[in-house]
């Protein structure tokens, strides 16, 4: 293990003598590979179920899985790269997350006009599967919730997923209870707002790091 990796493993992604964790840890790489595989698989499962159940909340959550899959894979490629490149990658992920949030907003608004009641049973079953997958990811990444913009974006995506899945399960129960699609659409709107909030945090952090890297160049 290199000196940088030992430092990352010892710090558990917190500051070590003023240094921000940059992902240089073999344990972090293993955790990242695991959550990448989990999110790629759950995207296929949840998108298929979302279309079958006509659930906007499930489809929004499936897109979040897809975005996370891309985020985690890009994050692995950026480990060990100069700060400017890591910050640019984080900026790209932040902008992509914002675009996803806006798409969910627009798609959900359109579905309000062509309202159909989603299948609550499918929403509940798949939502629970997704929650288990995301809680597993959260546990794996808990130690690494602080760090540079690249590392921070990984944690925010995992946290968003877990929150989104709890909301999907709640929506499934309310759809079953009310017999309407409004709970599903409301959750999709809330998740879109969560995407945009996280995107703003990632973009702000990335811009700060880009300015810091430029100042040191």
Protein backbone atom coordinates (compact mmCIF):
# COMPACT_ATOMS: atom_id res chain seq x y z
CA UNK A 1 0.00 0.00 0.00
CA UNK A 2 1.36 3.44 -0.92
CA UNK A 3 1.86 6.24 1.59
CA UNK A 4 -1.17 8.06 0.15
CA UNK A 5 -3.31 4.95 0.49
CA UNK A 6 -2.19 4.40 4.06
CA UNK A 7 -3.03 7.99 4.88
CA UNK A 8 -6.49 7.61 3.31
CA UNK A 9 -7.18 4.38 5.16
CA UNK A 10 -6.09 5.83 8.49
CA UNK A 11 -8.08 9.01 8.11
CA UNK A 12 -11.31 7.28 7.15
CA UNK A 13 -11.85 10.15 4.67
CA UNK A 14 -11.71 12.87 7.27
CA UNK A 15 -9.05 15.58 7.20
CA UNK A 16 -5.59 14.24 8.05
CA UNK A 17 -3.27 17.04 9.13
CA UNK A 18 -5.28 19.54 7.12
CA UNK A 19 -5.50 17.38 3.99
CA UNK A 20 -8.87 16.57 2.42
CA UNK A 21 -9.47 12.91 1.60
CA UNK A 22 -9.12 12.43 -2.18
CA UNK A 23 -10.15 8.77 -2.49
CA UNK A 24 -6.63 7.32 -2.32
CA UNK A 25 -7.56 4.25 -0.30
CA UNK A 26 -7.85 0.64 -1.42
CA UNK A 27 -10.81 0.17 0.95
CA UNK A 28 -12.57 3.14 -0.66
CA UNK A 29 -11.98 1.70 -4.14
CA UNK A 30 -13.51 -1.63 -3.10
CA UNK A 31 -16.54 0.12 -1.61
CA UNK A 32 -16.91 2.17 -4.79
CA UNK A 33 -16.81 -0.92 -7.01
CA UNK A 34 -19.45 -2.61 -4.86
CA UNK A 35 -21.90 0.31 -4.96
CA UNK A 36 -21.29 0.78 -8.71
CA UNK A 37 -22.40 -2.80 -9.38
CA UNK A 38 -25.38 -2.47 -7.02
CA UNK A 39 -26.60 0.73 -8.68
CA UNK A 40 -26.17 -0.56 -12.23
CA UNK A 41 -28.26 -3.63 -11.46
CA UNK A 42 -30.97 -1.72 -9.63
CA UNK A 43 -31.36 0.77 -12.50
CA UNK A 44 -32.46 -2.05 -14.82
CA UNK A 45 -34.79 -3.60 -12.24
CA UNK A 46 -36.43 -0.34 -11.14
CA UNK A 47 -36.84 1.23 -14.59
CA UNK A 48 -38.51 -1.94 -15.91
CA UNK A 49 -40.81 -2.04 -12.88
CA UNK A 50 -41.52 1.70 -13.07
CA UNK A 51 -42.65 1.48 -16.69
CA UNK A 52 -44.72 -1.64 -15.94
CA UNK A 53 -46.36 -0.01 -12.91
CA UNK A 54 -46.71 3.41 -14.62
CA UNK A 55 -44.98 4.95 -11.60
CA UNK A 56 -43.18 8.27 -12.03
CA UNK A 57 -41.59 7.92 -8.58
CA UNK A 58 -40.07 4.54 -9.48
CA UNK A 59 -38.82 5.85 -12.82
CA UNK A 60 -37.34 8.93 -11.17
CA UNK A 61 -35.58 6.70 -8.64
CA UNK A 62 -34.35 4.43 -11.45
CA UNK A 63 -32.79 7.44 -13.17
CA UNK A 64 -31.12 8.28 -9.89
CA UNK A 65 -29.61 4.78 -9.88
CA UNK A 66 -28.35 5.34 -13.44
CA UNK A 67 -26.88 8.71 -12.50
CA UNK A 68 -25.20 7.16 -9.47
CA UNK A 69 -23.77 4.34 -11.57
CA UNK A 70 -22.16 6.89 -13.88
CA UNK A 71 -21.07 9.03 -10.91
CA UNK A 72 -19.36 6.14 -9.13
CA UNK A 73 -17.62 4.92 -12.27
CA UNK A 74 -16.35 8.42 -13.10
CA UNK A 75 -15.25 8.86 -9.50
CA UNK A 76 -13.09 5.73 -9.74
CA UNK A 77 -11.45 7.06 -12.90
CA UNK A 78 -10.65 10.34 -11.16
CA UNK A 79 -8.97 8.86 -8.06
CA UNK A 80 -5.34 9.95 -8.02
CA UNK A 81 -5.83 12.62 -10.69
CA UNK A 82 -4.79 16.26 -10.08
CA UNK A 83 -7.23 18.43 -8.09
CA UNK A 84 -8.33 20.39 -11.18
CA UNK A 85 -9.38 17.21 -13.01
CA UNK A 86 -11.21 15.85 -9.95
CA UNK A 87 -13.01 19.17 -9.56
CA UNK A 88 -13.98 19.24 -13.25
CA UNK A 89 -15.36 15.71 -12.97
CA UNK A 90 -17.40 16.73 -9.91
CA UNK A 91 -18.67 19.80 -11.77
CA UNK A 92 -19.79 17.59 -14.66
CA UNK A 93 -21.60 15.28 -12.22
CA UNK A 94 -23.28 18.23 -10.53
CA UNK A 95 -24.53 19.63 -13.84
CA UNK A 96 -25.73 16.16 -14.91
CA UNK A 97 -27.64 15.77 -11.66
CA UNK A 98 -29.27 19.18 -12.18
CA UNK A 99 -30.34 18.20 -15.71
CA UNK A 100 -31.80 14.96 -14.33
CA UNK A 101 -33.74 16.89 -11.69
CA UNK A 102 -35.16 19.26 -14.29
CA UNK A 103 -36.15 16.33 -16.51
CA UNK A 104 -37.99 14.67 -13.62
CA UNK A 105 -39.78 17.95 -12.88
CA UNK A 106 -40.89 18.30 -16.50
CA UNK A 107 -41.83 14.64 -16.94
CA UNK A 108 -43.87 14.61 -13.74
CA UNK A 109 -45.66 17.84 -14.69
CA UNK A 110 -46.58 16.26 -18.03
CA UNK A 111 -47.94 13.15 -16.31
CA UNK A 112 -50.18 15.34 -14.16
CA UNK A 113 -52.08 16.09 -17.38
CA UNK A 114 -52.43 12.40 -18.33
CA UNK A 115 -53.04 10.99 -14.89
CA UNK A 116 -53.06 7.24 -14.45
CA UNK A 117 -53.01 5.39 -11.14
CA UNK A 118 -49.72 3.46 -10.71
CA UNK A 119 -49.62 -0.11 -9.42
CA UNK A 120 -49.06 0.32 -5.68
CA UNK A 121 -48.05 -3.32 -5.11
CA UNK A 122 -45.21 -3.17 -7.65
CA UNK A 123 -44.13 0.20 -6.25
CA UNK A 124 -43.95 -1.25 -2.76
CA UNK A 125 -42.04 -4.43 -3.65
CA UNK A 126 -39.49 -2.76 -5.91
CA UNK A 127 -39.21 0.24 -3.61
CA UNK A 128 -38.28 -2.09 -0.74
CA UNK A 129 -35.67 -3.87 -2.90
CA UNK A 130 -34.18 -0.51 -3.85
CA UNK A 131 -34.13 0.61 -0.22
CA UNK A 132 -32.15 -2.49 0.79
CA UNK A 133 -29.69 -1.87 -2.06
CA UNK A 134 -29.24 1.77 -1.12
CA UNK A 135 -28.89 1.17 2.61
CA UNK A 136 -26.13 -1.29 1.74
CA UNK A 137 -24.43 1.44 -0.31
CA UNK A 138 -24.85 3.97 2.51
CA UNK A 139 -23.24 1.59 5.02
CA UNK A 140 -20.31 0.94 2.65
CA UNK A 141 -19.72 4.66 2.05
CA UNK A 142 -20.52 6.06 5.51
CA UNK A 143 -16.84 6.42 6.42
CA UNK A 144 -16.23 8.42 3.25
CA UNK A 145 -18.99 11.03 3.50
CA UNK A 146 -16.46 13.88 3.76
CA UNK A 147 -13.67 14.64 1.34
CA UNK A 148 -13.03 16.52 -1.89
CA UNK A 149 -15.82 17.36 -4.33
CA UNK A 150 -15.37 14.04 -6.15
CA UNK A 151 -15.71 12.00 -2.93
CA UNK A 152 -18.49 14.22 -1.58
CA UNK A 153 -20.59 13.75 -4.73
CA UNK A 154 -20.50 9.97 -4.22
CA UNK A 155 -21.85 10.28 -0.69
CA UNK A 156 -24.61 12.73 -1.67
CA UNK A 157 -25.81 10.40 -4.43
CA UNK A 158 -25.99 7.45 -2.03
CA UNK A 159 -27.79 9.48 0.63
CA UNK A 160 -30.29 10.75 -1.95
CA UNK A 161 -31.07 7.22 -3.03
CA UNK A 162 -31.87 6.05 0.48
CA UNK A 163 -34.12 9.07 1.12
CA UNK A 164 -35.80 8.60 -2.25
CA UNK A 165 -36.57 4.95 -1.57
CA UNK A 166 -38.21 5.72 1.76
CA UNK A 167 -40.32 8.29 -0.09
CA UNK A 168 -41.25 5.76 -2.81
CA UNK A 169 -42.43 3.28 -0.17
CA UNK A 170 -44.51 6.02 1.45
CA UNK A 171 -45.97 6.93 -1.94
CA UNK A 172 -46.86 3.29 -2.61
CA UNK A 173 -48.82 3.14 0.63
CA UNK A 174 -50.62 6.42 -0.09
CA UNK A 175 -51.43 5.37 -3.68
CA UNK A 176 -52.96 2.15 -2.35
CA UNK A 177 -54.88 4.05 0.36
CA UNK A 178 -56.13 6.92 -1.81
CA UNK A 179 -56.55 5.14 -5.13
CA UNK A 180 -55.00 8.14 -6.91
CA UNK A 181 -51.66 8.91 -8.55
CA UNK A 182 -51.06 12.16 -6.67
CA UNK A 183 -48.79 10.69 -3.94
CA UNK A 184 -46.59 9.15 -6.64
CA UNK A 185 -46.32 12.45 -8.51
CA UNK A 186 -45.66 14.40 -5.32
CA UNK A 187 -42.77 12.09 -4.42
CA UNK A 188 -41.34 12.46 -7.92
CA UNK A 189 -41.42 16.26 -7.50
CA UNK A 190 -39.72 16.01 -4.09
CA UNK A 191 -37.01 13.75 -5.48
CA UNK A 192 -36.40 16.18 -8.34
CA UNK A 193 -35.95 18.95 -5.78
CA UNK A 194 -33.48 16.76 -3.87
CA UNK A 195 -31.51 16.20 -7.08
CA UNK A 196 -31.29 19.94 -7.68
CA UNK A 197 -30.25 20.67 -4.08
CA UNK A 198 -27.45 18.09 -4.21
CA UNK A 199 -26.39 19.34 -7.64
CA UNK A 200 -26.03 22.86 -6.24
CA UNK A 201 -23.83 21.57 -3.37
CA UNK A 202 -21.61 19.55 -5.72
CA UNK A 203 -21.24 22.42 -8.23
CA UNK A 204 -20.38 24.92 -5.49
CA UNK A 205 -17.77 22.60 -3.98
CA UNK A 206 -16.28 21.81 -7.40
CA UNK A 207 -16.00 25.50 -8.34
CA UNK A 208 -14.21 26.23 -5.05
CA UNK A 209 -11.72 23.44 -5.73
CA UNK A 210 -11.19 24.60 -9.33
CA UNK A 211 -10.41 28.10 -8.02
CA UNK A 212 -8.02 26.60 -5.43
CA UNK A 213 -6.26 24.51 -8.09
CA UNK A 214 -5.96 27.52 -10.41
CA UNK A 215 -4.48 29.61 -7.58
CA UNK A 216 -1.84 26.96 -6.92
CA UNK A 217 -0.99 26.47 -10.59
